[in-house]
Protein backbone atom coordinates (compact mmCIF):
# COMPACT_ATOMS: atom_id res chain seq x y z
CA MET A 1 227.65 -17.53 -69.62
CA THR A 2 230.31 -20.12 -70.32
CA ALA A 3 229.67 -22.12 -73.46
CA VAL A 4 228.78 -25.74 -72.84
CA PRO A 5 229.11 -28.39 -75.56
CA HIS A 6 225.72 -29.06 -77.10
CA VAL A 7 225.60 -32.74 -76.14
CA LEU A 8 224.43 -32.03 -72.59
CA ARG A 9 222.56 -28.80 -73.18
CA PRO A 10 218.83 -28.67 -72.44
CA SER A 11 216.86 -29.81 -75.46
CA ARG A 12 214.89 -26.53 -75.61
CA SER A 13 216.65 -23.48 -76.98
CA GLY A 14 214.10 -20.82 -76.06
CA LEU A 15 212.41 -21.15 -79.45
CA LEU A 16 209.31 -23.20 -80.07
CA ASP A 17 209.98 -26.10 -82.39
CA PRO A 18 207.29 -27.46 -84.76
CA VAL A 19 206.13 -30.01 -82.17
CA ASP A 20 205.65 -27.28 -79.56
CA ARG A 21 203.76 -25.04 -81.98
CA ALA A 22 201.50 -27.78 -83.32
CA SER A 23 200.81 -29.12 -79.83
CA GLU A 24 199.80 -25.73 -78.45
CA VAL A 25 197.54 -24.99 -81.42
CA VAL A 26 195.84 -28.38 -81.10
CA PHE A 27 195.48 -27.96 -77.33
CA GLY A 28 193.91 -24.52 -77.66
CA LEU A 29 191.69 -25.69 -80.47
CA LEU A 30 190.38 -28.65 -78.47
CA MET A 31 189.64 -26.43 -75.49
CA ALA A 32 187.72 -23.99 -77.69
CA MET A 33 185.80 -26.74 -79.48
CA THR A 34 184.51 -28.17 -76.22
CA PHE A 35 182.89 -24.79 -75.51
CA VAL A 36 181.60 -23.67 -78.86
CA GLY A 37 180.46 -27.16 -79.79
CA THR A 38 177.62 -26.80 -77.28
CA VAL A 39 176.29 -23.64 -78.91
CA ALA A 40 174.04 -25.69 -81.17
CA VAL A 41 171.89 -26.71 -78.20
CA LEU A 42 171.55 -23.21 -76.80
CA GLU A 43 168.13 -21.58 -76.77
CA GLU A 44 169.23 -18.25 -75.31
CA GLY A 45 169.67 -16.33 -78.56
CA ARG A 46 172.60 -14.25 -79.69
CA GLU A 47 173.37 -12.91 -76.22
CA GLY A 48 173.76 -16.42 -74.89
CA THR A 49 175.98 -17.30 -77.82
CA ARG A 50 178.23 -14.30 -77.21
CA ALA A 51 178.44 -15.12 -73.51
CA LEU A 52 179.57 -18.65 -74.33
CA LEU A 53 182.17 -17.39 -76.79
CA PHE A 54 183.58 -15.02 -74.18
CA ALA A 55 183.67 -17.94 -71.77
CA ALA A 56 185.62 -19.99 -74.31
CA LEU A 57 188.08 -17.14 -74.81
CA GLY A 58 188.46 -16.67 -71.06
CA CYS A 59 189.10 -20.37 -70.60
CA ASN A 60 191.79 -20.40 -73.25
CA ILE A 61 193.41 -17.28 -71.79
CA ALA A 62 193.58 -19.01 -68.40
CA TRP A 63 194.98 -22.21 -69.90
CA GLY A 64 197.38 -20.21 -72.05
CA ILE A 65 198.81 -18.54 -68.94
CA ALA A 66 199.09 -21.87 -67.15
CA ASP A 67 200.71 -23.52 -70.14
CA ALA A 68 203.22 -20.67 -70.57
CA VAL A 69 204.18 -20.79 -66.90
CA MET A 70 204.67 -24.56 -67.02
CA TYR A 71 206.80 -24.12 -70.15
CA LEU A 72 209.12 -21.86 -68.15
CA VAL A 73 209.11 -24.30 -65.23
CA ALA A 74 210.14 -27.08 -67.62
CA LEU A 75 212.97 -24.94 -69.00
CA ALA A 76 214.26 -24.10 -65.53
CA THR A 77 214.05 -27.76 -64.48
CA GLU A 78 216.02 -28.85 -67.55
CA GLN A 79 218.71 -26.27 -66.82
CA ARG A 80 219.11 -27.56 -63.26
CA ARG A 81 219.17 -31.16 -64.45
CA PHE A 82 221.91 -30.60 -67.02
CA ARG A 83 223.99 -28.57 -64.61
CA THR A 84 223.71 -31.46 -62.19
CA LEU A 85 224.84 -33.86 -64.91
CA LEU A 86 227.84 -31.66 -65.68
CA ARG A 87 228.79 -31.44 -62.01
CA ARG A 88 228.53 -35.20 -61.62
CA LEU A 89 230.61 -35.62 -64.76
CA HIS A 90 233.46 -33.52 -63.35
CA GLU A 91 233.43 -35.58 -60.15
CA ALA A 92 233.09 -39.04 -61.72
CA ASP A 93 235.66 -41.57 -62.88
CA GLY A 94 235.92 -42.63 -66.53
CA ALA A 95 233.34 -45.42 -66.53
CA THR A 96 230.81 -43.45 -64.50
CA GLY A 97 231.43 -40.38 -66.64
CA ARG A 98 230.70 -42.28 -69.84
CA ARG A 99 227.45 -43.49 -68.31
CA ILE A 100 226.52 -39.91 -67.38
CA VAL A 101 227.20 -38.77 -70.95
CA ALA A 102 224.99 -41.57 -72.26
CA GLU A 103 222.21 -40.46 -69.89
CA GLY A 104 222.34 -36.95 -71.32
CA LEU A 105 222.05 -38.00 -74.95
CA LEU A 106 218.81 -38.23 -76.89
CA PRO A 107 217.07 -41.62 -76.57
CA GLY A 108 218.62 -44.12 -78.93
CA LEU A 109 221.66 -41.97 -79.72
CA ALA A 110 223.81 -43.52 -76.99
CA ASP A 111 223.22 -46.97 -78.50
CA ALA A 112 224.82 -45.80 -81.75
CA LEU A 113 228.05 -44.76 -79.96
CA ASP A 114 230.76 -47.04 -78.64
CA ALA A 115 232.86 -46.55 -75.51
CA GLY A 116 235.47 -44.57 -77.46
CA ASP A 117 232.88 -42.10 -78.73
CA LEU A 118 231.48 -41.62 -75.23
CA GLU A 119 234.98 -41.15 -73.85
CA THR A 120 235.71 -38.45 -76.42
CA LEU A 121 232.54 -36.62 -75.46
CA ARG A 122 233.35 -37.03 -71.76
CA LEU A 123 236.82 -35.50 -72.17
CA ARG A 124 235.45 -32.55 -74.16
CA LEU A 125 232.84 -31.86 -71.51
CA ILE A 126 235.36 -32.06 -68.69
CA ALA A 127 237.62 -29.63 -70.55
CA ALA A 128 234.82 -27.05 -70.61
CA PRO A 129 234.40 -25.04 -67.36
CA GLN A 130 231.25 -25.63 -65.41
CA PRO A 131 228.63 -22.84 -65.78
CA ALA A 132 228.91 -20.38 -62.92
CA GLY A 133 226.15 -18.67 -61.00
CA VAL A 134 222.50 -19.46 -60.64
CA PRO A 135 220.68 -20.80 -63.73
CA ARG A 136 218.61 -18.05 -65.29
CA LEU A 137 216.05 -18.07 -68.04
CA ALA A 138 216.99 -15.98 -71.08
CA ARG A 139 214.90 -13.36 -72.82
CA GLU A 140 214.30 -15.85 -75.64
CA ASP A 141 212.75 -18.26 -73.14
CA TYR A 142 210.20 -15.67 -72.07
CA ARG A 143 209.45 -14.87 -75.70
CA ALA A 144 208.84 -18.56 -76.31
CA ALA A 145 206.51 -18.69 -73.29
CA LEU A 146 204.62 -15.73 -74.74
CA GLY A 147 204.38 -17.69 -77.97
CA VAL A 148 202.85 -20.61 -76.06
CA PHE A 149 200.25 -18.28 -74.55
CA LEU A 150 199.39 -16.65 -77.87
CA LEU A 151 199.06 -19.96 -79.71
CA VAL A 152 196.59 -21.31 -77.14
CA VAL A 153 194.54 -18.10 -77.12
CA LEU A 154 194.55 -17.49 -80.88
CA ALA A 155 193.38 -21.05 -81.50
CA THR A 156 190.04 -19.94 -80.03
CA PHE A 157 189.17 -17.57 -82.85
CA PRO A 158 189.00 -19.85 -85.93
CA VAL A 159 186.28 -21.98 -84.34
CA ALA A 160 184.51 -19.11 -82.57
CA LEU A 161 184.23 -16.45 -85.26
CA PRO A 162 181.62 -18.29 -87.37
CA TYR A 163 179.14 -17.80 -84.52
CA VAL A 164 179.79 -14.06 -84.63
CA PHE A 165 179.28 -13.60 -88.36
CA VAL A 166 176.70 -16.31 -89.17
CA ALA A 167 173.22 -15.82 -87.77
CA ASP A 168 172.05 -19.43 -88.10
CA VAL A 169 173.61 -21.41 -85.24
CA ALA A 170 173.45 -24.76 -87.06
CA THR A 171 175.27 -23.33 -90.08
CA ALA A 172 177.84 -21.63 -87.84
CA LEU A 173 178.43 -24.95 -86.09
CA ARG A 174 179.12 -26.74 -89.38
CA ILE A 175 181.52 -23.98 -90.48
CA SER A 176 183.26 -24.05 -87.11
CA GLN A 177 183.68 -27.82 -87.27
CA ALA A 178 185.05 -27.64 -90.81
CA ILE A 179 187.58 -25.00 -89.77
CA ALA A 180 188.58 -27.07 -86.76
CA ILE A 181 189.12 -30.18 -88.86
CA ALA A 182 191.14 -28.20 -91.41
CA THR A 183 193.30 -26.69 -88.65
CA LEU A 184 193.91 -30.08 -87.07
CA PHE A 185 194.83 -31.48 -90.46
CA ALA A 186 197.28 -28.61 -91.03
CA ALA A 187 198.88 -29.21 -87.63
CA GLY A 188 199.36 -32.90 -88.40
CA ALA A 189 200.76 -32.13 -91.83
CA ALA A 190 203.24 -29.66 -90.32
CA LEU A 191 204.45 -32.31 -87.90
CA ALA A 192 204.87 -34.77 -90.76
CA ARG A 193 206.89 -32.30 -92.82
CA TRP A 194 209.18 -31.68 -89.86
CA SER A 195 209.65 -35.36 -89.03
CA GLY A 196 209.78 -36.63 -92.62
CA GLY A 197 206.46 -38.51 -92.61
CA SER A 198 203.44 -38.42 -94.88
CA ALA A 199 201.64 -35.08 -94.60
CA LEU A 200 198.35 -36.56 -95.81
CA ARG A 201 198.44 -39.50 -93.43
CA ALA A 202 199.53 -37.46 -90.43
CA GLY A 203 197.02 -34.70 -91.16
CA CYS A 204 194.14 -37.17 -91.33
CA ALA A 205 195.35 -38.93 -88.17
CA VAL A 206 195.56 -35.72 -86.13
CA ALA A 207 192.17 -34.54 -87.40
CA ALA A 208 190.57 -37.86 -86.47
CA LEU A 209 192.33 -37.94 -83.10
CA GLY A 210 191.18 -34.38 -82.36
CA ALA A 211 187.57 -35.27 -83.14
CA VAL A 212 187.74 -38.29 -80.83
CA LEU A 213 189.33 -36.23 -78.04
CA VAL A 214 186.61 -33.60 -78.26
CA VAL A 215 183.93 -36.27 -77.93
CA VAL A 216 185.74 -37.80 -74.94
CA ILE A 217 186.20 -34.40 -73.25
CA VAL A 218 182.54 -33.51 -73.72
CA LEU A 219 181.35 -36.89 -72.44
CA LEU A 220 183.56 -36.49 -69.36
CA GLY A 221 182.00 -33.11 -68.66
CA GLY A 222 184.90 -30.98 -69.95
């Protein structure tokens, strides 16, 4: 494939960035918590508990597949969009071309560049040949989609396993909730480290937000 200057490449590179990873873990965790959080009111014994846990796992497998497929759809859509931008750029005049370049930049980045900077980028992009053939997803993209699936599914286990190993349901529920809060905190802290924020503040914020979302999902019948 012909190399295209990075400025108008799709933002995803086939690898999950920290935001993707944290988001998928939190999503899978919230889905699992809405299932296992109801175990405390069960009166069906251990068999009922196991059935619910299998239901939680099945739900997360289904959502993991859906999320992975939509990840690939988003990648393919981005590829088509940026190819369209490149084609328009080759056909446009100078002023229109600079506007197209500005559209393809990250939000806020275009504001930091003047007309000369945009013109330099436009000329570099025009000098590069347009990608030939039909856009195709790379092997790395499918690996990333598999990562999305695994993150959603694996997020089920930390909150579900206490019900397998702890006989008392109330105690298992407290352990599960503690693990969930700790995992949410870790996800928020990871996002803060990547973005340069406060790990403590972000961890607490994500943990609190996750708790609120679980309550809302349960109240809405999720």
